N, C-alpha and C. Protein backbone atom coordinates (compact mmCIF):
# COMPACT_ATOMS: atom_id res chain seq x y z
N MET A 1 -184.68 -35.84 38.91
CA MET A 1 -184.66 -34.58 39.68
C MET A 1 -185.96 -34.01 40.20
N THR A 2 -186.99 -34.41 39.34
CA THR A 2 -188.34 -33.78 39.53
C THR A 2 -188.88 -34.36 40.98
N THR A 3 -188.42 -35.52 41.39
CA THR A 3 -188.80 -36.11 42.68
C THR A 3 -188.29 -35.43 43.93
N LEU A 4 -187.24 -34.57 43.63
CA LEU A 4 -186.55 -33.73 44.63
C LEU A 4 -187.50 -32.59 45.06
N THR A 5 -188.58 -32.91 45.91
CA THR A 5 -189.70 -31.90 46.23
C THR A 5 -189.13 -30.98 47.42
N GLU A 6 -189.82 -29.85 47.39
CA GLU A 6 -189.50 -28.95 48.51
C GLU A 6 -189.74 -29.57 49.87
N GLU A 7 -190.58 -30.57 50.02
CA GLU A 7 -190.79 -31.27 51.24
C GLU A 7 -189.69 -32.12 51.66
N PHE A 8 -189.06 -32.82 50.60
CA PHE A 8 -187.91 -33.56 50.85
C PHE A 8 -186.55 -32.83 51.23
N ILE A 9 -186.57 -31.65 50.51
CA ILE A 9 -185.40 -30.85 50.78
C ILE A 9 -185.57 -30.14 52.28
N ARG A 10 -186.83 -29.71 52.69
CA ARG A 10 -186.98 -29.35 54.06
C ARG A 10 -186.57 -30.37 54.96
N THR A 11 -187.10 -31.69 54.72
CA THR A 11 -186.83 -32.70 55.85
C THR A 11 -185.33 -32.98 55.89
N LYS A 12 -184.46 -33.00 54.70
CA LYS A 12 -183.15 -33.17 54.84
C LYS A 12 -182.57 -32.09 55.68
N LEU A 13 -182.89 -30.93 55.44
CA LEU A 13 -182.27 -29.86 56.13
C LEU A 13 -182.55 -29.89 57.69
N GLN A 14 -183.72 -30.25 57.97
CA GLN A 14 -184.18 -30.41 59.42
C GLN A 14 -183.31 -31.59 60.17
N GLU A 15 -182.94 -32.70 59.31
CA GLU A 15 -182.28 -33.77 59.77
C GLU A 15 -180.77 -33.36 59.98
N ARG A 16 -180.37 -32.38 59.31
CA ARG A 16 -178.80 -32.13 59.41
C ARG A 16 -178.58 -31.60 60.73
N ASP A 17 -177.28 -31.91 61.21
CA ASP A 17 -176.82 -31.35 62.53
C ASP A 17 -176.37 -29.94 62.33
N ARG A 18 -177.08 -29.05 62.66
CA ARG A 18 -176.53 -27.62 62.31
C ARG A 18 -175.71 -27.14 63.50
N SER A 19 -175.28 -27.99 64.53
CA SER A 19 -174.27 -27.54 65.34
C SER A 19 -172.79 -27.80 64.72
N GLU A 20 -172.82 -28.50 63.64
CA GLU A 20 -171.50 -28.71 62.99
C GLU A 20 -171.15 -27.45 62.25
N VAL A 21 -169.77 -27.11 62.53
CA VAL A 21 -169.11 -25.77 61.83
C VAL A 21 -168.08 -26.22 60.79
N ASP A 22 -168.20 -25.58 59.66
CA ASP A 22 -167.50 -25.85 58.53
C ASP A 22 -166.51 -24.69 58.39
N THR A 23 -165.27 -24.80 57.55
CA THR A 23 -164.66 -23.60 57.14
C THR A 23 -164.60 -23.61 55.66
N ASP A 24 -164.17 -22.34 55.04
CA ASP A 24 -164.13 -22.11 53.66
C ASP A 24 -162.91 -22.84 52.92
N GLY A 25 -162.38 -23.63 53.57
CA GLY A 25 -161.20 -24.29 53.00
C GLY A 25 -159.86 -23.66 53.14
N TYR A 26 -159.83 -22.35 53.48
CA TYR A 26 -158.80 -21.64 53.93
C TYR A 26 -158.42 -21.60 55.35
N SER A 27 -159.37 -21.04 55.99
CA SER A 27 -159.35 -20.76 57.54
C SER A 27 -159.49 -22.13 58.39
N GLU A 28 -158.93 -22.19 59.42
CA GLU A 28 -159.24 -23.11 60.58
C GLU A 28 -160.08 -22.37 61.67
N ILE A 29 -160.83 -22.97 62.36
CA ILE A 29 -161.67 -22.46 63.28
C ILE A 29 -160.71 -21.87 64.32
N PRO A 30 -160.93 -20.57 64.65
CA PRO A 30 -160.01 -19.92 65.48
C PRO A 30 -160.02 -20.55 66.97
N THR A 31 -159.02 -20.56 67.54
CA THR A 31 -158.71 -21.12 68.94
C THR A 31 -158.46 -20.08 69.89
N ASN A 32 -158.05 -18.84 69.30
CA ASN A 32 -157.75 -17.65 70.05
C ASN A 32 -158.97 -16.95 70.52
N PRO A 33 -159.19 -16.88 71.91
CA PRO A 33 -160.51 -16.30 72.30
C PRO A 33 -160.55 -14.78 72.03
N GLU A 34 -159.33 -14.10 71.73
CA GLU A 34 -159.42 -12.79 71.22
C GLU A 34 -160.07 -12.52 69.97
N VAL A 35 -159.98 -13.55 69.09
CA VAL A 35 -160.64 -13.51 67.70
C VAL A 35 -162.24 -13.49 67.89
N ARG A 36 -162.77 -12.44 67.49
CA ARG A 36 -164.13 -12.36 67.66
C ARG A 36 -164.84 -12.60 66.26
N LEU A 37 -165.68 -13.55 66.15
CA LEU A 37 -166.35 -13.96 64.90
C LEU A 37 -167.44 -12.98 64.68
N LYS A 38 -167.66 -12.44 63.43
CA LYS A 38 -168.83 -11.47 62.99
C LYS A 38 -169.93 -12.42 62.48
N CYS A 39 -171.05 -11.97 62.81
CA CYS A 39 -172.26 -12.78 62.38
C CYS A 39 -172.68 -12.31 61.05
N ALA A 40 -173.12 -13.35 60.14
CA ALA A 40 -173.39 -13.07 58.77
C ALA A 40 -174.24 -14.17 58.35
N ALA A 41 -175.17 -14.03 57.31
CA ALA A 41 -175.92 -15.08 56.72
C ALA A 41 -176.04 -14.81 55.27
N VAL A 42 -176.34 -15.92 54.48
CA VAL A 42 -176.56 -15.78 53.18
C VAL A 42 -177.71 -16.64 52.73
N LEU A 43 -178.33 -16.23 51.67
CA LEU A 43 -179.67 -17.01 51.11
C LEU A 43 -179.05 -17.82 50.01
N VAL A 44 -179.37 -19.13 50.15
CA VAL A 44 -179.13 -20.10 49.00
C VAL A 44 -180.51 -20.20 48.29
N PRO A 45 -180.57 -19.54 47.11
CA PRO A 45 -181.86 -19.44 46.46
C PRO A 45 -182.05 -20.61 45.44
N LEU A 46 -183.29 -21.34 45.68
CA LEU A 46 -183.41 -22.49 44.75
C LEU A 46 -184.56 -21.95 43.85
N VAL A 47 -184.50 -22.21 42.58
CA VAL A 47 -185.57 -22.00 41.65
C VAL A 47 -185.80 -23.24 40.69
N PHE A 48 -187.00 -23.49 40.23
CA PHE A 48 -187.34 -24.57 39.52
C PHE A 48 -187.90 -24.04 38.11
N PHE A 49 -187.05 -24.36 37.18
CA PHE A 49 -187.55 -24.13 35.66
C PHE A 49 -186.88 -25.06 34.83
N GLN A 50 -187.28 -25.13 33.64
CA GLN A 50 -186.93 -26.10 32.55
C GLN A 50 -186.85 -27.61 33.15
N ASN A 51 -187.80 -27.81 34.04
CA ASN A 51 -188.08 -29.12 34.54
C ASN A 51 -187.03 -29.65 35.53
N GLU A 52 -186.30 -28.61 36.12
CA GLU A 52 -185.33 -28.98 37.04
C GLU A 52 -184.95 -27.88 38.13
N TRP A 53 -184.38 -28.35 39.13
CA TRP A 53 -183.97 -27.38 40.10
C TRP A 53 -182.70 -26.64 39.74
N HIS A 54 -182.60 -25.31 39.98
CA HIS A 54 -181.28 -24.67 39.83
C HIS A 54 -180.96 -23.89 41.15
N ILE A 55 -179.59 -23.51 41.31
CA ILE A 55 -179.44 -22.70 42.45
C ILE A 55 -179.06 -21.26 41.77
N LEU A 56 -179.49 -20.22 42.52
CA LEU A 56 -179.25 -18.79 41.92
C LEU A 56 -178.06 -18.27 42.54
N TYR A 57 -177.11 -17.74 41.79
CA TYR A 57 -175.95 -17.02 42.23
C TYR A 57 -175.83 -15.60 41.85
N THR A 58 -174.96 -14.91 42.48
CA THR A 58 -174.70 -13.56 42.00
C THR A 58 -173.10 -13.39 41.70
N ARG A 59 -172.72 -12.59 40.76
CA ARG A 59 -171.29 -12.09 40.64
C ARG A 59 -171.14 -10.69 41.21
N ARG A 60 -170.34 -10.65 42.14
CA ARG A 60 -170.33 -9.28 42.81
C ARG A 60 -169.47 -8.36 41.88
N THR A 61 -169.63 -6.91 42.10
CA THR A 61 -168.95 -6.02 41.16
C THR A 61 -167.57 -5.85 41.54
N ASP A 62 -166.79 -5.21 40.81
CA ASP A 62 -165.54 -4.86 41.07
C ASP A 62 -165.39 -3.60 42.07
N ARG A 63 -166.51 -3.18 42.59
CA ARG A 63 -166.67 -1.96 43.34
C ARG A 63 -166.67 -2.16 44.78
N VAL A 64 -167.08 -3.42 45.12
CA VAL A 64 -167.33 -3.82 46.44
C VAL A 64 -166.04 -3.90 47.28
N GLU A 65 -166.25 -3.86 48.53
CA GLU A 65 -165.02 -3.67 49.54
C GLU A 65 -164.20 -5.01 49.48
N SER A 66 -164.83 -6.08 49.40
CA SER A 66 -164.25 -7.35 49.52
C SER A 66 -164.74 -8.46 48.48
N HIS A 67 -164.04 -9.43 48.10
CA HIS A 67 -164.31 -10.49 47.27
C HIS A 67 -164.95 -9.90 45.84
N LYS A 68 -164.06 -8.93 45.39
CA LYS A 68 -164.50 -8.28 44.05
C LYS A 68 -164.56 -9.32 42.94
N GLY A 69 -165.63 -9.29 42.31
CA GLY A 69 -165.97 -10.07 40.97
C GLY A 69 -166.04 -11.66 41.25
N GLN A 70 -166.33 -12.00 42.60
CA GLN A 70 -166.52 -13.41 42.86
C GLN A 70 -167.79 -13.74 42.78
N VAL A 71 -168.13 -14.96 42.59
CA VAL A 71 -169.46 -15.55 42.51
C VAL A 71 -169.84 -15.75 43.99
N SER A 72 -171.01 -15.58 44.34
CA SER A 72 -171.49 -15.53 45.70
C SER A 72 -172.96 -15.83 45.84
N PHE A 73 -173.59 -16.13 47.01
CA PHE A 73 -174.78 -15.93 47.34
C PHE A 73 -175.38 -14.46 47.79
N PRO A 74 -176.51 -14.30 47.70
CA PRO A 74 -176.79 -12.87 48.25
C PRO A 74 -176.81 -13.00 49.96
N GLY A 75 -176.11 -11.86 50.38
CA GLY A 75 -175.94 -12.16 51.88
C GLY A 75 -174.82 -11.15 52.28
N GLY A 76 -174.84 -11.28 53.59
CA GLY A 76 -173.84 -10.16 54.30
C GLY A 76 -173.89 -10.19 55.73
N ALA A 77 -173.41 -9.32 56.41
CA ALA A 77 -173.31 -9.26 57.82
C ALA A 77 -174.53 -8.94 58.39
N CYS A 78 -174.78 -9.31 59.58
CA CYS A 78 -175.90 -9.22 60.51
C CYS A 78 -176.09 -7.68 60.82
N ASP A 79 -177.29 -7.20 60.81
CA ASP A 79 -177.51 -5.64 61.39
C ASP A 79 -177.89 -5.89 62.75
N GLU A 80 -177.79 -4.80 63.42
CA GLU A 80 -178.04 -4.79 64.89
C GLU A 80 -179.64 -4.96 64.99
N GLY A 81 -179.90 -5.83 65.88
CA GLY A 81 -181.30 -6.12 66.22
C GLY A 81 -181.89 -7.33 65.49
N GLU A 82 -181.04 -7.89 64.47
CA GLU A 82 -181.53 -9.06 63.83
C GLU A 82 -181.17 -10.35 64.82
N THR A 83 -181.98 -11.13 64.98
CA THR A 83 -181.94 -12.34 65.96
C THR A 83 -181.88 -13.73 65.32
N THR A 84 -182.03 -13.72 63.91
CA THR A 84 -182.02 -14.99 63.40
C THR A 84 -181.37 -14.86 61.85
N PRO A 85 -180.65 -15.96 61.49
CA PRO A 85 -179.91 -15.91 60.27
C PRO A 85 -181.08 -15.61 59.21
N GLU A 86 -182.23 -16.12 59.24
CA GLU A 86 -183.29 -15.94 58.10
C GLU A 86 -183.46 -14.40 57.87
N GLU A 87 -183.60 -13.62 59.10
CA GLU A 87 -183.87 -12.16 58.94
C GLU A 87 -182.74 -11.68 58.04
N THR A 88 -181.44 -11.86 58.44
CA THR A 88 -180.25 -11.39 57.67
C THR A 88 -180.23 -11.75 56.25
N ALA A 89 -180.38 -13.07 56.03
CA ALA A 89 -180.52 -13.47 54.55
C ALA A 89 -181.49 -12.99 53.76
N LEU A 90 -182.76 -12.82 54.29
CA LEU A 90 -183.78 -12.22 53.60
C LEU A 90 -183.56 -10.93 53.24
N ARG A 91 -183.26 -10.03 54.36
CA ARG A 91 -183.01 -8.55 54.11
C ARG A 91 -181.83 -8.42 53.01
N GLU A 92 -180.85 -9.13 53.16
CA GLU A 92 -179.68 -8.95 52.12
C GLU A 92 -180.18 -9.30 50.75
N ALA A 93 -180.98 -10.40 50.44
CA ALA A 93 -181.50 -10.81 49.29
C ALA A 93 -182.31 -9.62 48.78
N ASP A 94 -183.13 -8.97 49.61
CA ASP A 94 -183.99 -7.76 49.11
C ASP A 94 -182.96 -6.76 48.70
N GLU A 95 -181.99 -6.42 49.45
CA GLU A 95 -181.21 -5.22 49.05
C GLU A 95 -180.28 -5.45 47.86
N GLU A 96 -179.82 -6.72 47.75
CA GLU A 96 -178.88 -6.99 46.75
C GLU A 96 -179.57 -7.25 45.29
N VAL A 97 -180.57 -8.20 45.42
CA VAL A 97 -181.12 -8.69 44.15
C VAL A 97 -182.79 -8.28 44.00
N GLY A 98 -183.29 -7.53 45.01
CA GLY A 98 -184.54 -7.18 44.94
C GLY A 98 -185.63 -8.28 45.09
N VAL A 99 -185.39 -9.21 45.80
CA VAL A 99 -186.25 -10.27 46.09
C VAL A 99 -186.83 -10.13 47.47
N ARG A 100 -188.20 -9.78 47.51
CA ARG A 100 -189.06 -9.59 48.72
C ARG A 100 -189.03 -10.87 49.61
N SER A 101 -188.95 -10.53 51.03
CA SER A 101 -188.91 -11.86 51.70
C SER A 101 -190.20 -12.49 51.72
N SER A 102 -191.25 -11.80 51.29
CA SER A 102 -192.68 -12.52 51.06
C SER A 102 -192.58 -13.49 49.91
N ASP A 103 -191.66 -13.31 49.19
CA ASP A 103 -191.61 -14.11 47.95
C ASP A 103 -190.52 -15.26 48.05
N VAL A 104 -190.08 -15.55 49.23
CA VAL A 104 -189.23 -16.75 49.55
C VAL A 104 -189.77 -17.80 50.46
N ARG A 105 -189.97 -18.85 50.06
CA ARG A 105 -190.37 -19.93 50.99
C ARG A 105 -189.06 -20.48 51.71
N VAL A 106 -188.86 -20.25 52.85
CA VAL A 106 -187.68 -20.71 53.62
C VAL A 106 -187.78 -22.18 54.00
N LEU A 107 -186.81 -23.08 53.61
CA LEU A 107 -187.10 -24.45 53.85
C LEU A 107 -186.09 -24.81 55.02
N GLY A 108 -185.22 -24.09 55.44
CA GLY A 108 -184.22 -24.47 56.58
C GLY A 108 -182.92 -23.93 56.29
N SER A 109 -181.98 -24.40 57.16
CA SER A 109 -180.55 -23.80 56.99
C SER A 109 -179.64 -24.79 57.13
N LEU A 110 -178.25 -24.42 56.66
CA LEU A 110 -177.03 -25.56 56.93
C LEU A 110 -176.46 -25.05 58.14
N GLY A 111 -175.33 -25.88 58.48
CA GLY A 111 -174.52 -25.38 59.74
C GLY A 111 -173.74 -24.16 59.21
N SER A 112 -173.34 -23.46 60.27
CA SER A 112 -172.56 -22.24 60.03
C SER A 112 -171.09 -22.50 59.47
N MET A 113 -170.61 -21.66 58.77
CA MET A 113 -169.28 -21.70 58.20
C MET A 113 -168.40 -20.58 58.58
N ILE A 114 -167.13 -20.81 59.01
CA ILE A 114 -166.29 -19.80 59.56
C ILE A 114 -165.42 -19.49 58.19
N THR A 115 -165.34 -18.26 57.82
CA THR A 115 -164.52 -17.95 56.65
C THR A 115 -163.15 -17.23 57.17
N ILE A 116 -162.22 -17.06 56.10
CA ILE A 116 -160.94 -16.42 56.29
C ILE A 116 -161.00 -15.23 56.99
N SER A 117 -162.12 -14.49 56.66
CA SER A 117 -162.38 -13.02 57.16
C SER A 117 -162.92 -13.06 58.40
N HIS A 118 -162.95 -14.14 59.08
CA HIS A 118 -163.58 -14.29 60.50
C HIS A 118 -165.11 -14.04 60.60
N PHE A 119 -165.83 -14.51 59.52
CA PHE A 119 -167.35 -14.24 59.64
C PHE A 119 -167.84 -15.73 60.01
N ARG A 120 -168.86 -15.79 60.84
CA ARG A 120 -169.56 -16.95 61.10
C ARG A 120 -170.73 -16.86 60.25
N VAL A 121 -170.71 -17.55 58.94
CA VAL A 121 -172.00 -17.45 57.96
C VAL A 121 -172.96 -18.61 58.14
N THR A 122 -174.13 -18.34 58.16
CA THR A 122 -175.27 -19.20 58.20
C THR A 122 -175.85 -19.26 56.71
N PRO A 123 -175.84 -20.32 56.04
CA PRO A 123 -176.57 -20.37 54.71
C PRO A 123 -178.04 -20.74 55.03
N VAL A 124 -178.96 -20.04 54.53
CA VAL A 124 -180.42 -20.19 54.59
C VAL A 124 -180.88 -20.67 53.31
N VAL A 125 -181.56 -21.72 53.14
CA VAL A 125 -182.11 -22.09 51.93
C VAL A 125 -183.44 -21.85 51.75
N GLY A 126 -183.90 -21.40 50.44
CA GLY A 126 -185.26 -20.72 50.20
C GLY A 126 -185.50 -20.85 48.81
N VAL A 127 -186.76 -21.07 48.55
CA VAL A 127 -187.27 -21.20 47.18
C VAL A 127 -187.89 -19.79 46.69
N ILE A 128 -187.53 -19.55 45.39
CA ILE A 128 -188.09 -18.33 44.77
C ILE A 128 -188.69 -18.87 43.51
N GLN A 129 -190.14 -18.26 43.25
CA GLN A 129 -190.60 -18.62 41.87
C GLN A 129 -189.82 -17.94 40.81
N PHE A 130 -189.92 -18.74 39.63
CA PHE A 130 -189.06 -18.21 38.56
C PHE A 130 -189.86 -18.38 37.39
N PRO A 131 -189.78 -17.47 36.40
CA PRO A 131 -188.89 -16.21 36.42
C PRO A 131 -189.24 -15.27 37.45
N TYR A 132 -188.28 -14.32 37.87
CA TYR A 132 -188.46 -13.27 38.88
C TYR A 132 -187.93 -11.98 38.30
N ALA A 133 -188.59 -10.96 38.83
CA ALA A 133 -188.01 -9.61 38.28
C ALA A 133 -187.01 -9.14 39.19
N PHE A 134 -185.85 -9.62 39.02
CA PHE A 134 -184.82 -9.16 39.96
C PHE A 134 -184.24 -7.75 39.77
N LYS A 135 -184.07 -7.04 40.78
CA LYS A 135 -183.60 -5.64 40.70
C LYS A 135 -182.20 -5.51 41.50
N THR A 136 -181.16 -5.69 40.75
CA THR A 136 -179.85 -5.74 41.46
C THR A 136 -179.31 -4.44 41.86
N SER A 137 -178.57 -4.55 42.94
CA SER A 137 -177.88 -3.34 43.49
C SER A 137 -176.69 -3.16 42.69
N GLY A 138 -176.65 -1.95 41.83
CA GLY A 138 -175.52 -1.65 40.91
C GLY A 138 -174.18 -1.60 41.63
N ALA A 139 -174.16 -1.18 42.82
CA ALA A 139 -173.00 -0.98 43.57
C ALA A 139 -172.31 -2.43 44.07
N GLU A 140 -173.23 -3.37 44.22
CA GLU A 140 -172.92 -4.69 44.79
C GLU A 140 -172.81 -5.84 43.80
N VAL A 141 -173.97 -5.93 42.82
CA VAL A 141 -174.01 -7.18 42.11
C VAL A 141 -174.06 -6.80 40.67
N ALA A 142 -173.06 -7.54 39.89
CA ALA A 142 -172.85 -7.34 38.53
C ALA A 142 -173.87 -8.17 37.53
N ARG A 143 -174.19 -9.52 38.13
CA ARG A 143 -175.05 -10.32 37.46
C ARG A 143 -175.53 -11.30 38.43
N VAL A 144 -176.86 -11.65 37.89
CA VAL A 144 -177.68 -12.78 38.48
C VAL A 144 -177.65 -13.95 37.49
N PHE A 145 -177.34 -15.22 38.06
CA PHE A 145 -177.48 -16.31 37.14
C PHE A 145 -177.78 -17.63 37.82
N THR A 146 -178.07 -18.65 37.22
CA THR A 146 -178.40 -20.00 37.84
C THR A 146 -177.55 -21.11 37.37
N ILE A 147 -177.47 -22.11 38.17
CA ILE A 147 -176.66 -23.30 37.62
C ILE A 147 -177.48 -24.41 38.02
N PRO A 148 -177.72 -25.32 37.17
CA PRO A 148 -178.53 -26.54 37.37
C PRO A 148 -178.06 -27.44 38.59
N LEU A 149 -178.95 -27.83 39.43
CA LEU A 149 -178.54 -28.58 40.65
C LEU A 149 -177.85 -29.86 40.26
N LEU A 150 -178.30 -30.51 39.03
CA LEU A 150 -177.77 -31.76 38.65
C LEU A 150 -176.36 -31.65 38.11
N TRP A 151 -176.18 -30.60 37.37
CA TRP A 151 -174.76 -30.13 36.84
C TRP A 151 -173.90 -30.05 38.29
N LEU A 152 -174.23 -29.17 39.16
CA LEU A 152 -173.36 -28.97 40.42
C LEU A 152 -173.12 -30.33 41.26
N ALA A 153 -174.02 -31.26 40.90
CA ALA A 153 -173.89 -32.51 41.77
C ALA A 153 -173.00 -33.48 41.05
N GLU A 154 -172.58 -33.30 39.66
CA GLU A 154 -171.79 -33.99 38.95
C GLU A 154 -170.19 -33.88 39.64
N ARG A 155 -169.65 -34.97 40.16
CA ARG A 155 -168.32 -34.86 40.63
C ARG A 155 -167.20 -34.56 39.69
N ARG A 156 -167.32 -34.83 38.29
CA ARG A 156 -166.44 -34.32 37.31
C ARG A 156 -166.55 -32.93 36.95
N ASN A 157 -167.44 -32.17 37.52
CA ASN A 157 -167.57 -30.71 37.49
C ASN A 157 -166.88 -29.88 38.28
N PHE A 158 -166.14 -30.41 39.37
CA PHE A 158 -165.27 -29.62 40.18
C PHE A 158 -163.98 -30.29 40.64
N TRP A 159 -163.10 -29.50 40.98
CA TRP A 159 -161.91 -30.01 41.52
C TRP A 159 -161.87 -29.76 43.02
N GLU A 160 -161.00 -30.48 43.76
CA GLU A 160 -160.61 -30.35 45.09
C GLU A 160 -159.11 -30.39 45.24
N PHE A 161 -158.59 -29.25 45.81
CA PHE A 161 -157.25 -29.04 45.95
C PHE A 161 -156.77 -29.04 47.35
N PRO A 162 -155.69 -29.79 47.71
CA PRO A 162 -155.28 -29.76 49.16
C PRO A 162 -154.59 -28.37 49.33
N LEU A 163 -154.74 -28.03 50.70
CA LEU A 163 -154.23 -26.75 51.05
C LEU A 163 -153.05 -26.77 52.03
N GLY A 164 -151.86 -27.14 51.59
CA GLY A 164 -150.89 -27.12 52.41
C GLY A 164 -150.79 -28.31 53.38
N GLU A 165 -150.60 -27.99 54.60
CA GLU A 165 -150.54 -28.99 55.67
C GLU A 165 -152.00 -29.33 56.40
N SER A 166 -153.03 -28.33 55.70
CA SER A 166 -154.39 -28.43 56.37
C SER A 166 -155.11 -29.70 55.83
N SER A 167 -156.06 -30.07 56.71
CA SER A 167 -156.84 -31.27 56.31
C SER A 167 -158.10 -30.80 55.41
N ARG A 168 -158.11 -29.42 55.21
CA ARG A 168 -159.18 -28.95 54.34
C ARG A 168 -158.82 -28.77 52.96
N ARG A 169 -159.71 -28.87 52.13
CA ARG A 169 -159.49 -28.82 50.67
C ARG A 169 -160.29 -27.56 49.93
N LEU A 170 -159.66 -27.02 49.12
CA LEU A 170 -160.35 -25.96 48.28
C LEU A 170 -160.95 -26.42 47.25
N ILE A 171 -162.43 -26.06 47.01
CA ILE A 171 -163.22 -26.61 46.07
C ILE A 171 -163.39 -25.63 44.93
N VAL A 172 -163.19 -25.92 43.66
CA VAL A 172 -163.19 -25.02 42.49
C VAL A 172 -164.07 -25.79 41.49
N TYR A 173 -165.15 -25.26 41.02
CA TYR A 173 -165.93 -25.63 39.87
C TYR A 173 -165.43 -25.29 38.52
N HIS A 174 -165.63 -26.16 37.58
CA HIS A 174 -165.28 -25.73 36.17
C HIS A 174 -166.20 -24.46 35.82
N PRO A 175 -165.80 -23.68 35.02
CA PRO A 175 -166.69 -22.64 34.62
C PRO A 175 -167.86 -23.05 34.06
N TYR A 176 -168.80 -22.17 34.30
CA TYR A 176 -170.34 -22.53 33.95
C TYR A 176 -170.86 -21.19 33.36
N ASP A 177 -171.26 -21.08 32.03
CA ASP A 177 -171.83 -19.91 31.63
C ASP A 177 -170.95 -18.68 31.92
N GLY A 178 -169.59 -18.94 31.83
CA GLY A 178 -168.48 -17.89 32.00
C GLY A 178 -168.45 -17.64 33.42
N GLU A 179 -168.87 -18.23 34.35
CA GLU A 179 -168.77 -17.74 35.70
C GLU A 179 -167.88 -18.91 36.45
N LEU A 180 -167.12 -18.55 37.47
CA LEU A 180 -166.32 -19.44 38.25
C LEU A 180 -166.81 -19.51 39.70
N LEU A 181 -167.11 -20.63 39.94
CA LEU A 181 -167.80 -20.99 41.44
C LEU A 181 -166.70 -21.66 42.09
N TRP A 182 -166.13 -20.98 43.39
CA TRP A 182 -165.11 -21.63 44.10
C TRP A 182 -165.15 -20.93 45.50
N GLY A 183 -164.22 -21.57 46.33
CA GLY A 183 -164.13 -20.99 47.78
C GLY A 183 -165.24 -21.29 48.51
N ALA A 184 -165.69 -20.30 49.38
CA ALA A 184 -166.63 -20.48 50.53
C ALA A 184 -168.00 -20.77 49.76
N THR A 185 -168.30 -20.16 48.75
CA THR A 185 -169.70 -20.17 47.96
C THR A 185 -169.70 -21.71 47.42
N ALA A 186 -168.73 -22.17 46.94
CA ALA A 186 -168.70 -23.60 46.33
C ALA A 186 -168.64 -24.62 47.51
N ARG A 187 -167.95 -24.37 48.70
CA ARG A 187 -168.25 -25.43 49.79
C ARG A 187 -169.58 -25.35 50.31
N MET A 188 -170.21 -24.13 50.46
CA MET A 188 -171.57 -24.16 50.90
C MET A 188 -172.42 -24.89 49.91
N THR A 189 -172.21 -24.78 48.79
CA THR A 189 -172.81 -25.49 47.60
C THR A 189 -172.79 -27.06 47.71
N VAL A 190 -171.64 -27.53 47.88
CA VAL A 190 -171.36 -28.98 48.05
C VAL A 190 -171.86 -29.42 49.39
N THR A 191 -171.82 -28.77 50.41
CA THR A 191 -172.35 -29.14 51.77
C THR A 191 -174.02 -29.27 51.50
N PHE A 192 -174.69 -28.40 50.75
CA PHE A 192 -176.04 -28.55 50.56
C PHE A 192 -176.30 -29.77 49.73
N LEU A 193 -175.64 -29.99 48.68
CA LEU A 193 -175.80 -31.29 47.83
C LEU A 193 -175.53 -32.45 48.67
N GLN A 194 -174.57 -32.41 49.61
CA GLN A 194 -174.26 -33.57 50.52
C GLN A 194 -175.46 -33.88 51.47
N THR A 195 -175.95 -32.65 51.84
CA THR A 195 -177.20 -32.83 52.71
C THR A 195 -178.42 -33.60 52.02
N LEU A 196 -178.53 -33.10 50.74
CA LEU A 196 -179.48 -33.77 50.09
C LEU A 196 -179.27 -35.19 49.65
N GLY A 197 -177.97 -35.64 49.87
CA GLY A 197 -177.71 -36.97 49.35
C GLY A 197 -177.44 -37.18 48.05
N LEU A 198 -177.01 -36.13 47.29
CA LEU A 198 -176.69 -36.12 45.85
C LEU A 198 -175.46 -36.71 45.60
N PHE A 199 -174.56 -36.76 46.50
CA PHE A 199 -173.21 -37.41 46.36
C PHE A 199 -172.50 -37.71 47.72
């Protein structure tokens, strides 16, 4: 895993066809022109410690408006005037976990995902030095934690469930350190791992 350099990750992200649109496993891409998709972005934070890459996640509090108590990436809806997913992802990471934008080395982004709540979310991948003095938003974030990339890339560590008549499948990871990674965040994780050629 030490051969997985930042330059390699950046190259793989640049090679990816970002015009591809994914879904969270529940929703299908809306065909109704009256359904207006809301802009959003998340930061997929990479940290390197204990001689391997980890992905950093947050667990949302039970006080947030949606996705209470769920594992997620730092992120949210675009603010007026923001013109790139990077702007949104970096602002949200600062607001939610106290990571300054100047402390993130952005490597690229994945294709957008349409969620069941009609958000078009763009995952932005960036590297953060570790350890870091995170300052969580008490209203939104209950915990910050990491999962090793190698563990996430093991197929035996997650399930895929069919969703009725849909061709989509719901991804649910085995619990790690007491946390359950599933749904849209799990799908973004798997998409990132596939982009890197890890399975």
